[in-house]
């Protein structure tokens, strides 16, 4: 099973949509809320190769992008491999 992290803000509709998609697919993930948290935002920028927009999603520590990239992975079926084995 892949380790999935998602950086979000409380007010971002794309963040909420990404979290909903991960939950619907049964993907276990860690959520990092960067709302009003400059240290977390700096960490995000360092890990996401300078990107500071949210959501930012990481798979096993590797940045994969945001909501658009997540939906592409879902459409291709790759997101299924992120789920825990039943």
PDB file of N, CA and C in Angstrom:
ATOM      1  N   UNK A   1       0.845  -1.174   0.000  1.00  0.00           N
ATOM      2  CA  UNK A   1       0.000   0.000   0.000  1.00  0.00           C
ATOM      3  C   UNK A   1       0.891   1.238   0.000  1.00  0.00           C
ATOM      4  N   UNK A   2       0.501   2.218  -0.780  1.00  0.00           N
ATOM      5  CA  UNK A   2       1.261   3.452  -0.904  1.00  0.00           C
ATOM      6  C   UNK A   2       0.972   4.380   0.270  1.00  0.00           C
ATOM      7  N   UNK A   3       1.985   5.141   0.669  1.00  0.00           N
ATOM      8  CA  UNK A   3       1.802   6.184   1.676  1.00  0.00           C
ATOM      9  C   UNK A   3       1.364   7.447   0.941  1.00  0.00           C
ATOM     10  N   UNK A   4       0.176   7.937   1.270  1.00  0.00           N
ATOM     11  CA  UNK A   4      -0.399   9.082   0.580  1.00  0.00           C
ATOM     12  C   UNK A   4      -0.550  10.234   1.565  1.00  0.00           C
ATOM     13  N   UNK A   5      -0.038  11.401   1.176  1.00  0.00           N
ATOM     14  CA  UNK A   5      -0.198  12.625   1.952  1.00  0.00           C
ATOM     15  C   UNK A   5      -0.865  13.652   1.060  1.00  0.00           C
ATOM     16  N   UNK A   6      -1.747  14.455   1.643  1.00  0.00           N
ATOM     17  CA  UNK A   6      -2.374  15.530   0.894  1.00  0.00           C
ATOM     18  C   UNK A   6      -2.326  16.801   1.724  1.00  0.00           C
ATOM     19  N   UNK A   7      -1.793  17.859   1.129  1.00  0.00           N
ATOM     20  CA  UNK A   7      -1.727  19.171   1.757  1.00  0.00           C
ATOM     21  C   UNK A   7      -2.934  19.963   1.290  1.00  0.00           C
ATOM     22  N   UNK A   8      -3.663  20.559   2.237  1.00  0.00           N
ATOM     23  CA  UNK A   8      -4.924  21.236   1.937  1.00  0.00           C
ATOM     24  C   UNK A   8      -5.031  22.539   2.732  1.00  0.00           C
ATOM     25  N   UNK A   9      -6.033  23.343   2.353  1.00  0.00           N
ATOM     26  CA  UNK A   9      -6.500  24.434   3.200  1.00  0.00           C
ATOM     27  C   UNK A   9      -7.971  24.178   3.480  1.00  0.00           C
ATOM     28  N   UNK A  10      -8.454  24.779   4.537  1.00  0.00           N
ATOM     29  CA  UNK A  10      -9.840  24.529   4.962  1.00  0.00           C
ATOM     30  C   UNK A  10     -10.866  25.103   3.996  1.00  0.00           C
ATOM     31  N   UNK A  11     -10.513  26.099   3.229  1.00  0.00           N
ATOM     32  CA  UNK A  11     -11.473  26.788   2.378  1.00  0.00           C
ATOM     33  C   UNK A  11     -11.398  26.408   0.902  1.00  0.00           C
ATOM     34  N   UNK A  12     -10.519  25.506   0.528  1.00  0.00           N
ATOM     35  CA  UNK A  12     -10.278  25.165  -0.879  1.00  0.00           C
ATOM     36  C   UNK A  12     -11.251  24.098  -1.382  1.00  0.00           C
ATOM     37  N   UNK A  13     -12.093  24.437  -2.381  1.00  0.00           N
ATOM     38  CA  UNK A  13     -13.037  23.438  -2.894  1.00  0.00           C
ATOM     39  C   UNK A  13     -12.358  22.254  -3.584  1.00  0.00           C
ATOM     40  N   UNK A  14     -11.212  22.488  -4.236  1.00  0.00           N
ATOM     41  CA  UNK A  14     -10.498  21.389  -4.879  1.00  0.00           C
ATOM     42  C   UNK A  14      -9.896  20.437  -3.839  1.00  0.00           C
ATOM     43  N   UNK A  15      -9.493  20.998  -2.696  1.00  0.00           N
ATOM     44  CA  UNK A  15      -8.989  20.166  -1.599  1.00  0.00           C
ATOM     45  C   UNK A  15     -10.093  19.250  -1.095  1.00  0.00           C
ATOM     46  N   UNK A  16     -11.275  19.820  -0.887  1.00  0.00           N
ATOM     47  CA  UNK A  16     -12.404  19.021  -0.403  1.00  0.00           C
ATOM     48  C   UNK A  16     -12.781  17.945  -1.415  1.00  0.00           C
ATOM     49  N   UNK A  17     -12.732  18.290  -2.709  1.00  0.00           N
ATOM     50  CA  UNK A  17     -13.055  17.305  -3.753  1.00  0.00           C
ATOM     51  C   UNK A  17     -12.000  16.188  -3.781  1.00  0.00           C
ATOM     52  N   UNK A  18     -10.725  16.543  -3.617  1.00  0.00           N
ATOM     53  CA  UNK A  18      -9.662  15.535  -3.610  1.00  0.00           C
ATOM     54  C   UNK A  18      -9.801  14.615  -2.401  1.00  0.00           C
ATOM     55  N   UNK A  19     -10.074  15.194  -1.239  1.00  0.00           N
ATOM     56  CA  UNK A  19     -10.271  14.383  -0.033  1.00  0.00           C
ATOM     57  C   UNK A  19     -11.461  13.444  -0.198  1.00  0.00           C
ATOM     58  N   UNK A  20     -12.525  13.953  -0.796  1.00  0.00           N
ATOM     59  CA  UNK A  20     -13.708  13.121  -1.034  1.00  0.00           C
ATOM     60  C   UNK A  20     -13.383  11.968  -1.980  1.00  0.00           C
ATOM     61  N   UNK A  21     -12.646  12.247  -3.044  1.00  0.00           N
ATOM     62  CA  UNK A  21     -12.272  11.201  -3.998  1.00  0.00           C
ATOM     63  C   UNK A  21     -11.414  10.129  -3.328  1.00  0.00           C
ATOM     64  N   UNK A  22     -10.430  10.551  -2.562  1.00  0.00           N
ATOM     65  CA  UNK A  22      -9.590   9.582  -1.863  1.00  0.00           C
ATOM     66  C   UNK A  22     -10.425   8.725  -0.910  1.00  0.00           C
ATOM     67  N   UNK A  23     -11.330   9.349  -0.194  1.00  0.00           N
ATOM     68  CA  UNK A  23     -12.186   8.603   0.744  1.00  0.00           C
ATOM     69  C   UNK A  23     -13.103   7.631   0.010  1.00  0.00           C
ATOM     70  N   UNK A  24     -13.718   8.090  -1.085  1.00  0.00           N
ATOM     71  CA  UNK A  24     -14.613   7.211  -1.844  1.00  0.00           C
ATOM     72  C   UNK A  24     -13.877   6.004  -2.404  1.00  0.00           C
ATOM     73  N   UNK A  25     -12.614   6.189  -2.747  1.00  0.00           N
ATOM     74  CA  UNK A  25     -11.809   5.088  -3.294  1.00  0.00           C
ATOM     75  C   UNK A  25     -11.164   4.243  -2.198  1.00  0.00           C
ATOM     76  N   UNK A  26     -11.349   4.626  -0.948  1.00  0.00           N
ATOM     77  CA  UNK A  26     -10.798   3.847   0.156  1.00  0.00           C
ATOM     78  C   UNK A  26      -9.299   4.012   0.335  1.00  0.00           C
ATOM     79  N   UNK A  27      -8.756   5.126  -0.168  1.00  0.00           N
ATOM     80  CA  UNK A  27      -7.321   5.377  -0.068  1.00  0.00           C
ATOM     81  C   UNK A  27      -7.009   5.958   1.309  1.00  0.00           C
ATOM     82  N   UNK A  28      -6.202   5.257   2.061  1.00  0.00           N
ATOM     83  CA  UNK A  28      -5.763   5.737   3.371  1.00  0.00           C
ATOM     84  C   UNK A  28      -4.754   6.849   3.133  1.00  0.00           C
ATOM     85  N   UNK A  29      -4.943   7.988   3.799  1.00  0.00           N
ATOM     86  CA  UNK A  29      -4.073   9.126   3.563  1.00  0.00           C
ATOM     87  C   UNK A  29      -3.890   9.945   4.833  1.00  0.00           C
ATOM     88  N   UNK A  30      -2.845  10.741   4.823  1.00  0.00           N
ATOM     89  CA  UNK A  30      -2.580  11.698   5.882  1.00  0.00           C
ATOM     90  C   UNK A  30      -2.872  13.075   5.312  1.00  0.00           C
ATOM     91  N   UNK A  31      -3.645  13.870   6.050  1.00  0.00           N
ATOM     92  CA  UNK A  31      -3.986  15.216   5.617  1.00  0.00           C
ATOM     93  C   UNK A  31      -3.176  16.226   6.417  1.00  0.00           C
ATOM     94  N   UNK A  32      -2.557  17.166   5.708  1.00  0.00           N
ATOM     95  CA  UNK A  32      -1.807  18.250   6.345  1.00  0.00           C
ATOM     96  C   UNK A  32      -2.501  19.555   5.961  1.00  0.00           C
ATOM     97  N   UNK A  33      -3.091  20.221   6.952  1.00  0.00           N
ATOM     98  CA  UNK A  33      -3.795  21.478   6.718  1.00  0.00           C
ATOM     99  C   UNK A  33      -2.798  22.624   6.864  1.00  0.00           C
ATOM    100  N   UNK A  34      -2.594  23.369   5.775  1.00  0.00           N
ATOM    101  CA  UNK A  34      -1.646  24.483   5.798  1.00  0.00           C
ATOM    102  C   UNK A  34      -2.329  25.825   6.021  1.00  0.00           C
ATOM    103  N   UNK A  35      -3.639  25.803   6.303  1.00  0.00           N
ATOM    104  CA  UNK A  35      -4.365  27.033   6.592  1.00  0.00           C
ATOM    105  C   UNK A  35      -3.737  27.709   7.807  1.00  0.00           C
ATOM    106  N   UNK A  36      -3.347  28.955   7.657  1.00  0.00           N
ATOM    107  CA  UNK A  36      -2.762  29.734   8.761  1.00  0.00           C
ATOM    108  C   UNK A  36      -1.563  29.037   9.403  1.00  0.00           C
ATOM    109  N   UNK A  37      -0.813  28.275   8.613  1.00  0.00           N
ATOM    110  CA  UNK A  37       0.344  27.565   9.141  1.00  0.00           C
ATOM    111  C   UNK A  37       1.532  27.787   8.201  1.00  0.00           C
ATOM    112  N   UNK A  38       2.267  28.894   8.394  1.00  0.00           N
ATOM    113  CA  UNK A  38       3.368  29.216   7.483  1.00  0.00           C
ATOM    114  C   UNK A  38       4.465  28.151   7.434  1.00  0.00           C
ATOM    115  N   UNK A  39       4.730  27.492   8.545  1.00  0.00           N
ATOM    116  CA  UNK A  39       5.757  26.448   8.550  1.00  0.00           C
ATOM    117  C   UNK A  39       5.352  25.279   7.661  1.00  0.00           C
ATOM    118  N   UNK A  40       4.095  24.865   7.764  1.00  0.00           N
ATOM    119  CA  UNK A  40       3.604  23.776   6.918  1.00  0.00           C
ATOM    120  C   UNK A  40       3.603  24.192   5.451  1.00  0.00           C
ATOM    121  N   UNK A  41       3.278  25.452   5.177  1.00  0.00           N
ATOM    122  CA  UNK A  41       3.274  25.959   3.805  1.00  0.00           C
ATOM    123  C   UNK A  41       4.699  25.955   3.238  1.00  0.00           C
ATOM    124  N   UNK A  42       5.692  26.342   4.047  1.00  0.00           N
ATOM    125  CA  UNK A  42       7.095  26.301   3.603  1.00  0.00           C
ATOM    126  C   UNK A  42       7.525  24.858   3.323  1.00  0.00           C
ATOM    127  N   UNK A  43       7.133  23.955   4.199  1.00  0.00           N
ATOM    128  CA  UNK A  43       7.446  22.539   3.999  1.00  0.00           C
ATOM    129  C   UNK A  43       6.836  22.036   2.697  1.00  0.00           C
ATOM    130  N   UNK A  44       5.605  22.447   2.434  1.00  0.00           N
ATOM    131  CA  UNK A  44       4.933  22.068   1.192  1.00  0.00           C
ATOM    132  C   UNK A  44       5.738  22.549  -0.005  1.00  0.00           C
ATOM    133  N   UNK A  45       6.146  23.818  -0.002  1.00  0.00           N
ATOM    134  CA  UNK A  45       6.889  24.379  -1.137  1.00  0.00           C
ATOM    135  C   UNK A  45       8.202  23.639  -1.354  1.00  0.00           C
ATOM    136  N   UNK A  46       8.884  23.286  -0.277  1.00  0.00           N
ATOM    137  CA  UNK A  46      10.139  22.543  -0.400  1.00  0.00           C
ATOM    138  C   UNK A  46       9.905  21.161  -0.994  1.00  0.00           C
ATOM    139  N   UNK A  47       8.903  20.480  -0.508  1.00  0.00           N
ATOM    140  CA  UNK A  47       8.652  19.108  -0.956  1.00  0.00           C
ATOM    141  C   UNK A  47       8.014  19.045  -2.336  1.00  0.00           C
ATOM    142  N   UNK A  48       7.256  20.085  -2.703  1.00  0.00           N
ATOM    143  CA  UNK A  48       6.521  20.078  -3.978  1.00  0.00           C
ATOM    144  C   UNK A  48       7.264  20.826  -5.074  1.00  0.00           C
ATOM    145  N   UNK A  49       8.571  20.916  -4.944  1.00  0.00           N
ATOM    146  CA  UNK A  49       9.407  21.525  -5.978  1.00  0.00           C
ATOM    147  C   UNK A  49       8.992  22.958  -6.284  1.00  0.00           C
ATOM    148  N   UNK A  50       8.685  23.719  -5.205  1.00  0.00           N
ATOM    149  CA  UNK A  50       8.354  25.132  -5.333  1.00  0.00           C
ATOM    150  C   UNK A  50       6.864  25.436  -5.457  1.00  0.00           C
ATOM    151  N   UNK A  51       6.047  24.438  -5.707  1.00  0.00           N
ATOM    152  CA  UNK A  51       4.611  24.691  -5.819  1.00  0.00           C
ATOM    153  C   UNK A  51       4.035  24.966  -4.431  1.00  0.00           C
ATOM    154  N   UNK A  52       3.116  25.922  -4.363  1.00  0.00           N
ATOM    155  CA  UNK A  52       2.482  26.257  -3.083  1.00  0.00           C
ATOM    156  C   UNK A  52       0.967  26.169  -3.152  1.00  0.00           C
ATOM    157  N   UNK A  53       0.440  25.849  -4.319  1.00  0.00           N
ATOM    158  CA  UNK A  53      -1.011  25.725  -4.439  1.00  0.00           C
ATOM    159  C   UNK A  53      -1.471  24.431  -3.780  1.00  0.00           C
ATOM    160  N   UNK A  54      -2.731  24.423  -3.407  1.00  0.00           N
ATOM    161  CA  UNK A  54      -3.319  23.232  -2.800  1.00  0.00           C
ATOM    162  C   UNK A  54      -4.535  22.819  -3.609  1.00  0.00           C
ATOM    163  N   UNK A  55      -4.855  21.540  -3.594  1.00  0.00           N
ATOM    164  CA  UNK A  55      -4.179  20.480  -2.878  1.00  0.00           C
ATOM    165  C   UNK A  55      -2.875  20.094  -3.572  1.00  0.00           C
ATOM    166  N   UNK A  56      -1.955  19.574  -2.798  1.00  0.00           N
ATOM    167  CA  UNK A  56      -0.747  18.935  -3.317  1.00  0.00           C
ATOM    168  C   UNK A  56      -0.724  17.536  -2.721  1.00  0.00           C
ATOM    169  N   UNK A  57      -0.543  16.561  -3.586  1.00  0.00           N
ATOM    170  CA  UNK A  57      -0.630  15.162  -3.180  1.00  0.00           C
ATOM    171  C   UNK A  57       0.724  14.501  -3.395  1.00  0.00           C
ATOM    172  N   UNK A  58       1.113  13.694  -2.412  1.00  0.00           N
ATOM    173  CA  UNK A  58       2.382  12.988  -2.453  1.00  0.00           C
ATOM    174  C   UNK A  58       2.118  11.492  -2.325  1.00  0.00           C
ATOM    175  N   UNK A  59       2.795  10.722  -3.144  1.00  0.00           N
ATOM    176  CA  UNK A  59       2.716   9.264  -3.115  1.00  0.00           C
ATOM    177  C   UNK A  59       4.091   8.746  -2.740  1.00  0.00           C
ATOM    178  N   UNK A  60       4.172   8.108  -1.581  1.00  0.00           N
ATOM    179  CA  UNK A  60       5.454   7.614  -1.071  1.00  0.00           C
ATOM    180  C   UNK A  60       6.515   8.716  -1.082  1.00  0.00           C
ATOM    181  N   UNK A  61       6.098   9.937  -0.686  1.00  0.00           N
ATOM    182  CA  UNK A  61       7.007  11.069  -0.599  1.00  0.00           C
ATOM    183  C   UNK A  61       7.268  11.789  -1.899  1.00  0.00           C
ATOM    184  N   UNK A  62       6.761  11.276  -2.992  1.00  0.00           N
ATOM    185  CA  UNK A  62       6.984  11.852  -4.328  1.00  0.00           C
ATOM    186  C   UNK A  62       5.796  12.728  -4.702  1.00  0.00           C
ATOM    187  N   UNK A  63       6.025  13.985  -5.115  1.00  0.00           N
ATOM    188  CA  UNK A  63       4.901  14.841  -5.497  1.00  0.00           C
ATOM    189  C   UNK A  63       4.256  14.350  -6.787  1.00  0.00           C
ATOM    190  N   UNK A  64       2.932  14.218  -6.762  1.00  0.00           N
ATOM    191  CA  UNK A  64       2.244  13.804  -7.986  1.00  0.00           C
ATOM    192  C   UNK A  64       1.389  14.926  -8.556  1.00  0.00           C
ATOM    193  N   UNK A  65       1.196  15.996  -7.794  1.00  0.00           N
ATOM    194  CA  UNK A  65       0.428  17.131  -8.297  1.00  0.00           C
ATOM    195  C   UNK A  65      -0.790  17.403  -7.454  1.00  0.00           C
ATOM    196  N   UNK A  66      -1.792  17.991  -8.110  1.00  0.00           N
ATOM    197  CA  UNK A  66      -2.995  18.416  -7.422  1.00  0.00           C
ATOM    198  C   UNK A  66      -4.229  17.637  -7.835  1.00  0.00           C
ATOM    199  N   UNK A  67      -5.374  18.294  -7.762  1.00  0.00           N
ATOM    200  CA  UNK A  67      -6.648  17.638  -8.033  1.00  0.00           C
ATOM    201  C   UNK A  67      -6.733  17.120  -9.467  1.00  0.00           C
ATOM    202  N   UNK A  68      -6.276  17.914 -10.431  1.00  0.00           N
ATOM    203  CA  UNK A  68      -6.344  17.468 -11.835  1.00  0.00           C
ATOM    204  C   UNK A  68      -5.557  16.173 -12.045  1.00  0.00           C
ATOM    205  N   UNK A  69      -4.371  16.116 -11.497  1.00  0.00           N
ATOM    206  CA  UNK A  69      -3.547  14.909 -11.643  1.00  0.00           C
ATOM    207  C   UNK A  69      -4.186  13.723 -10.911  1.00  0.00           C
ATOM    208  N   UNK A  70      -4.783  13.997  -9.760  1.00  0.00           N
ATOM    209  CA  UNK A  70      -5.465  12.935  -9.013  1.00  0.00           C
ATOM    210  C   UNK A  70      -6.627  12.360  -9.813  1.00  0.00           C
ATOM    211  N   UNK A  71      -7.420  13.215 -10.445  1.00  0.00           N
ATOM    212  CA  UNK A  71      -8.543  12.703 -11.230  1.00  0.00           C
ATOM    213  C   UNK A  71      -8.061  11.940 -12.463  1.00  0.00           C
ATOM    214  N   UNK A  72      -6.928  12.354 -13.040  1.00  0.00           N
ATOM    215  CA  UNK A  72      -6.352  11.605 -14.164  1.00  0.00           C
ATOM    216  C   UNK A  72      -5.923  10.210 -13.719  1.00  0.00           C
ATOM    217  N   UNK A  73      -5.298  10.121 -12.549  1.00  0.00           N
ATOM    218  CA  UNK A  73      -4.893   8.815 -12.022  1.00  0.00           C
ATOM    219  C   UNK A  73      -6.105   7.946 -11.729  1.00  0.00           C
ATOM    220  N   UNK A  74      -7.177   8.560 -11.259  1.00  0.00           N
ATOM    221  CA  UNK A  74      -8.406   7.814 -11.003  1.00  0.00           C
ATOM    222  C   UNK A  74      -8.995   7.295 -12.313  1.00  0.00           C
ATOM    223  N   UNK A  75      -9.056   8.154 -13.319  1.00  0.00           N
ATOM    224  CA  UNK A  75      -9.633   7.765 -14.615  1.00  0.00           C
ATOM    225  C   UNK A  75      -8.827   6.645 -15.276  1.00  0.00           C
ATOM    226  N   UNK A  76      -7.504   6.653 -15.079  1.00  0.00           N
ATOM    227  CA  UNK A  76      -6.661   5.630 -15.704  1.00  0.00           C
ATOM    228  C   UNK A  76      -6.664   4.316 -14.926  1.00  0.00           C
ATOM    229  N   UNK A  77      -7.230   4.333 -13.714  1.00  0.00           N
ATOM    230  CA  UNK A  77      -7.263   3.130 -12.892  1.00  0.00           C
ATOM    231  C   UNK A  77      -6.067   2.989 -11.971  1.00  0.00           C
ATOM    232  N   UNK A  78      -5.085   3.886 -12.084  1.00  0.00           N
ATOM    233  CA  UNK A  78      -3.887   3.788 -11.256  1.00  0.00           C
ATOM    234  C   UNK A  78      -4.194   4.042  -9.777  1.00  0.00           C
ATOM    235  N   UNK A  79      -5.197   4.852  -9.508  1.00  0.00           N
ATOM    236  CA  UNK A  79      -5.559   5.148  -8.125  1.00  0.00           C
ATOM    237  C   UNK A  79      -5.965   3.884  -7.373  1.00  0.00           C
ATOM    238  N   UNK A  80      -6.483   2.893  -8.080  1.00  0.00           N
ATOM    239  CA  UNK A  80      -6.878   1.626  -7.449  1.00  0.00           C
ATOM    240  C   UNK A  80      -5.708   0.947  -6.745  1.00  0.00           C
ATOM    241  N   UNK A  81      -4.501   1.126  -7.267  1.00  0.00           N
ATOM    242  CA  UNK A  81      -3.334   0.480  -6.661  1.00  0.00           C
ATOM    243  C   UNK A  81      -2.915   1.155  -5.349  1.00  0.00           C
ATOM    244  N   UNK A  82      -3.471   2.321  -5.046  1.00  0.00           N
ATOM    245  CA  UNK A  82      -3.158   3.022  -3.814  1.00  0.00           C
ATOM    246  C   UNK A  82      -3.964   2.504  -2.637  1.00  0.00           C
ATOM    247  N   UNK A  83      -4.984   1.700  -2.915  1.00  0.00           N
ATOM    248  CA  UNK A  83      -5.881   1.206  -1.863  1.00  0.00           C
ATOM    249  C   UNK A  83      -5.237   0.041  -1.115  1.00  0.00           C
ATOM    250  N   UNK A  84      -5.622  -0.122   0.146  1.00  0.00           N
ATOM    251  CA  UNK A  84      -5.130  -1.282   0.870  1.00  0.00           C
ATOM    252  C   UNK A  84      -5.714  -2.568   0.285  1.00  0.00           C
ATOM    253  N   UNK A  85      -4.979  -3.622   0.328  1.00  0.00           N
ATOM    254  CA  UNK A  85      -5.459  -4.911  -0.175  1.00  0.00           C
ATOM    255  C   UNK A  85      -6.589  -5.410   0.725  1.00  0.00           C
ATOM    256  N   UNK A  86      -7.606  -5.959   0.100  1.00  0.00           N
ATOM    257  CA  UNK A  86      -8.743  -6.479   0.886  1.00  0.00           C
ATOM    258  C   UNK A  86      -8.531  -7.925   1.237  1.00  0.00           C
TER     259      UNK A  86
END
